[in-house]
């Protein structure tokens, strides 16, 4: 199957899974802002000033509209000759399907993904620490090169969805629903295609949805998830 054919196939399958399971999410926060994108210059230490390469900064929660919004952002900035396909991520998570779709776009444009924020911390280094938690990790996987510098965090846990039920008296009750295995299977296939071990998904699905496991440097290497250095 060609790359375009495979992408279309998996998009259709994601849609079917989404319809069957609902908006299965990994720790979305109702008060969090949806992901936004902007360009920032990346100082390279050579005094480039106004001609520094521009990189993409992605911050906020990954929602269902995020993949299309990112495509729109790319089109709007396609004429920028200084643009480099490097995405700096800072996100607490969001929706799993949207995160996989965003990750596939990262892979299609050959982007490098970095869990960091621009700007030196305390006058040392080029970057500040950042977090890519929950479903954000699945978007991060799409990078052809994936970097999580020391101090930045990648965090995983079990997928879930919050559903509301209303009884005959009009009282609402929230219930946490978990994957029946279908979405985990899709995630494992996706992670394999991105070059990341399926063991990451197996491990994540054994972490309580009310907690977060911060991926250790050893796990990053063992699962082929990320490097600590550029």
Protein backbone atom coordinates (compact mmCIF):
# COMPACT_ATOMS: atom_id res chain seq x y z
CA UNK A 1 0.00 0.00 0.00
CA UNK A 2 1.38 3.43 -0.96
CA UNK A 3 2.01 6.12 1.64
CA UNK A 4 -1.03 8.12 0.47
CA UNK A 5 -3.18 4.99 0.35
CA UNK A 6 -2.08 3.92 3.81
CA UNK A 7 -2.80 7.38 5.20
CA UNK A 8 -6.31 7.34 3.69
CA UNK A 9 -6.94 3.83 4.98
CA UNK A 10 -5.90 4.64 8.52
CA UNK A 11 -7.93 7.87 8.47
CA UNK A 12 -11.02 5.85 7.53
CA UNK A 13 -10.33 3.28 10.23
CA UNK A 14 -9.80 6.02 12.82
CA UNK A 15 -13.17 7.43 11.85
CA UNK A 16 -14.88 4.07 12.33
CA UNK A 17 -13.24 3.58 15.71
CA UNK A 18 -14.22 7.09 16.72
CA UNK A 19 -17.84 6.47 15.80
CA UNK A 20 -17.88 3.19 17.68
CA UNK A 21 -16.18 4.33 20.87
CA UNK A 22 -17.03 8.01 21.04
CA UNK A 23 -14.47 10.73 21.70
CA UNK A 24 -11.97 8.56 23.49
CA UNK A 25 -9.59 10.95 25.17
CA UNK A 26 -6.44 10.93 27.23
CA UNK A 27 -6.82 13.42 30.05
CA UNK A 28 -8.39 16.42 28.30
CA UNK A 29 -8.91 19.36 30.60
CA UNK A 30 -12.10 21.35 30.12
CA UNK A 31 -10.41 24.58 31.21
CA UNK A 32 -7.37 24.17 28.93
CA UNK A 33 -6.98 26.19 25.75
CA UNK A 34 -7.09 24.28 22.48
CA UNK A 35 -3.78 23.97 20.65
CA UNK A 36 -2.54 27.00 18.78
CA UNK A 37 0.39 27.38 16.41
CA UNK A 38 2.80 30.21 15.76
CA UNK A 39 6.28 30.79 14.40
CA UNK A 40 9.27 31.80 16.45
CA UNK A 41 12.87 32.43 15.33
CA UNK A 42 15.42 29.89 16.46
CA UNK A 43 18.67 31.63 17.40
CA UNK A 44 21.56 29.52 16.18
CA UNK A 45 24.38 31.30 17.98
CA UNK A 46 25.74 32.84 14.78
CA UNK A 47 24.16 36.27 15.17
CA UNK A 48 21.49 35.60 12.54
CA UNK A 49 19.16 38.21 14.09
CA UNK A 50 16.29 38.93 11.67
CA UNK A 51 17.29 36.03 9.41
CA UNK A 52 17.15 33.25 11.99
CA UNK A 53 15.28 30.14 10.86
CA UNK A 54 11.66 30.01 12.00
CA UNK A 55 10.30 26.98 13.82
CA UNK A 56 6.75 26.01 14.76
CA UNK A 57 5.53 26.35 18.33
CA UNK A 58 2.50 24.22 19.25
CA UNK A 59 0.90 24.83 22.63
CA UNK A 60 -2.37 23.72 24.22
CA UNK A 61 -4.82 20.85 24.23
CA UNK A 62 -5.22 18.70 21.12
CA UNK A 63 -8.89 18.81 20.10
CA UNK A 64 -10.75 17.34 17.14
CA UNK A 65 -10.17 20.42 14.98
CA UNK A 66 -6.41 20.60 15.69
CA UNK A 67 -5.15 18.55 12.69
CA UNK A 68 -7.08 20.69 10.19
CA UNK A 69 -6.04 23.87 11.97
CA UNK A 70 -2.41 22.79 11.67
CA UNK A 71 -2.84 22.14 7.94
CA UNK A 72 -4.36 25.61 7.58
CA UNK A 73 -1.42 27.07 9.49
CA UNK A 74 1.04 25.34 7.14
CA UNK A 75 -0.74 26.70 4.08
CA UNK A 76 -0.74 30.23 5.51
CA UNK A 77 3.03 30.07 6.08
CA UNK A 78 4.06 28.05 3.01
CA UNK A 79 5.80 31.06 1.46
CA UNK A 80 8.10 31.59 4.45
CA UNK A 81 11.56 30.73 3.13
CA UNK A 82 12.99 30.72 6.64
CA UNK A 83 10.51 28.13 7.93
CA UNK A 84 11.99 24.86 9.19
CA UNK A 85 9.77 21.85 9.85
CA UNK A 86 10.60 21.63 13.54
CA UNK A 87 7.69 21.56 15.99
CA UNK A 88 8.19 22.56 19.63
CA UNK A 89 5.45 20.94 21.73
CA UNK A 90 3.96 22.00 25.04
CA UNK A 91 0.68 20.17 25.74
CA UNK A 92 -1.16 18.41 28.56
CA UNK A 93 -2.86 16.06 26.09
CA UNK A 94 -6.25 15.87 24.43
CA UNK A 95 -8.05 13.48 22.12
CA UNK A 96 -6.33 10.32 20.97
CA UNK A 97 -7.61 10.16 17.39
CA UNK A 98 -6.84 13.82 16.75
CA UNK A 99 -3.36 13.30 18.21
CA UNK A 100 -2.67 10.40 15.87
CA UNK A 101 -3.92 12.43 12.91
CA UNK A 102 -1.67 15.32 13.93
CA UNK A 103 1.25 12.91 14.28
CA UNK A 104 0.63 11.58 10.78
CA UNK A 105 0.80 15.14 9.43
CA UNK A 106 4.09 15.69 11.26
CA UNK A 107 5.45 12.55 9.60
CA UNK A 108 4.13 13.52 6.18
CA UNK A 109 5.96 16.87 6.23
CA UNK A 110 9.12 15.30 7.67
CA UNK A 111 8.95 17.33 10.88
CA UNK A 112 11.20 16.95 13.89
CA UNK A 113 9.26 17.12 17.16
CA UNK A 114 10.80 18.63 20.30
CA UNK A 115 9.38 18.74 23.83
CA UNK A 116 10.71 22.16 24.78
CA UNK A 117 9.94 25.86 24.73
CA UNK A 118 12.12 28.47 23.11
CA UNK A 119 14.14 30.83 25.25
CA UNK A 120 17.02 30.15 27.58
CA UNK A 121 16.22 29.32 31.20
CA UNK A 122 18.21 31.32 33.78
CA UNK A 123 20.59 32.41 31.06
CA UNK A 124 21.75 28.86 30.33
CA UNK A 125 21.03 26.74 27.29
CA UNK A 126 18.82 27.49 24.30
CA UNK A 127 15.53 26.07 25.57
CA UNK A 128 13.18 25.97 28.53
CA UNK A 129 11.54 22.85 29.87
CA UNK A 130 8.18 21.71 28.55
CA UNK A 131 5.70 18.85 28.87
CA UNK A 132 4.04 16.54 26.37
CA UNK A 133 1.61 14.44 28.38
CA UNK A 134 -1.09 11.89 27.73
CA UNK A 135 -2.36 11.98 24.11
CA UNK A 136 0.30 14.55 23.18
CA UNK A 137 2.80 11.69 23.19
CA UNK A 138 0.97 10.13 20.23
CA UNK A 139 1.31 13.35 18.23
CA UNK A 140 4.98 13.58 19.27
CA UNK A 141 5.53 10.08 17.84
CA UNK A 142 4.96 11.45 14.34
CA UNK A 143 8.27 13.28 14.28
CA UNK A 144 10.94 11.80 12.00
CA UNK A 145 13.35 12.93 14.69
CA UNK A 146 12.04 13.11 18.25
CA UNK A 147 13.83 14.98 21.02
CA UNK A 148 12.98 15.40 24.72
CA UNK A 149 15.80 17.47 26.25
CA UNK A 150 16.73 16.92 29.92
CA UNK A 151 14.15 18.52 32.19
CA UNK A 152 11.28 18.16 29.74
CA UNK A 153 8.62 15.54 30.41
CA UNK A 154 6.86 12.88 28.38
CA UNK A 155 3.97 11.36 30.34
CA UNK A 156 1.62 8.45 29.62
CA UNK A 157 -1.40 6.74 31.15
CA UNK A 158 -4.52 4.75 30.28
CA UNK A 159 -7.01 6.17 27.78
CA UNK A 160 -10.48 7.13 28.93
CA UNK A 161 -13.58 9.08 28.04
CA UNK A 162 -15.91 10.93 30.36
CA UNK A 163 -19.58 10.40 29.53
CA UNK A 164 -22.66 12.05 31.00
CA UNK A 165 -25.81 10.06 31.85
CA UNK A 166 -29.16 11.63 32.75
CA UNK A 167 -31.75 9.62 34.67
CA UNK A 168 -35.53 9.93 34.48
CA UNK A 169 -35.47 12.66 37.13
CA UNK A 170 -33.12 14.83 35.09
CA UNK A 171 -30.11 14.21 37.33
CA UNK A 172 -26.77 13.97 35.49
CA UNK A 173 -23.98 11.60 36.41
CA UNK A 174 -20.50 11.51 34.94
CA UNK A 175 -18.91 8.15 34.21
CA UNK A 176 -15.39 7.30 33.10
CA UNK A 177 -15.34 4.80 30.22
CA UNK A 178 -12.30 2.81 29.11
CA UNK A 179 -11.17 1.33 25.82
CA UNK A 180 -12.29 -2.23 25.12
CA UNK A 181 -9.01 -2.99 23.38
CA UNK A 182 -9.88 -1.77 19.88
CA UNK A 183 -8.29 1.64 20.24
CA UNK A 184 -5.22 0.22 21.97
CA UNK A 185 -4.78 -2.09 18.98
CA UNK A 186 -5.01 0.87 16.61
CA UNK A 187 -2.50 2.78 18.72
CA UNK A 188 -0.06 -0.14 18.63
CA UNK A 189 -0.30 -0.29 14.85
CA UNK A 190 0.19 3.46 14.67
CA UNK A 191 3.19 3.42 17.01
CA UNK A 192 4.81 0.65 14.94
CA UNK A 193 4.37 2.72 11.78
CA UNK A 194 6.00 5.65 13.55
CA UNK A 195 8.95 3.48 14.60
CA UNK A 196 8.01 3.34 18.29
CA UNK A 197 7.69 0.08 20.23
CA UNK A 198 4.19 -1.26 20.84
CA UNK A 199 5.32 -1.88 24.41
CA UNK A 200 4.80 1.80 25.15
CA UNK A 201 1.06 1.42 24.51
CA UNK A 202 0.88 -1.81 26.52
CA UNK A 203 2.64 -0.09 29.41
CA UNK A 204 0.48 3.05 29.22
CA UNK A 205 -2.74 1.03 29.37
CA UNK A 206 -1.67 -0.33 32.78
CA UNK A 207 -1.20 3.16 34.28
CA UNK A 208 -4.21 4.55 36.14
CA UNK A 209 -6.06 7.25 34.21
CA UNK A 210 -5.96 9.34 37.39
CA UNK A 211 -2.16 9.43 37.41
CA UNK A 212 0.68 9.93 34.95
CA UNK A 213 3.86 7.96 34.37
CA UNK A 214 6.81 10.12 33.38
CA UNK A 215 8.82 8.21 30.80
CA UNK A 216 12.38 7.66 31.96
CA UNK A 217 15.43 8.17 29.71
CA UNK A 218 15.90 4.38 29.72
CA UNK A 219 12.32 3.83 28.54
CA UNK A 220 12.70 6.51 25.87
CA UNK A 221 15.65 4.58 24.47
CA UNK A 222 14.12 1.12 24.91
CA UNK A 223 10.87 2.10 23.19
CA UNK A 224 12.71 4.19 20.54
CA UNK A 225 10.52 7.11 21.58
CA UNK A 226 12.98 9.98 21.90
CA UNK A 227 16.54 11.14 22.18
CA UNK A 228 17.72 13.49 24.92
CA UNK A 229 19.98 15.42 22.56
CA UNK A 230 19.64 16.92 19.07
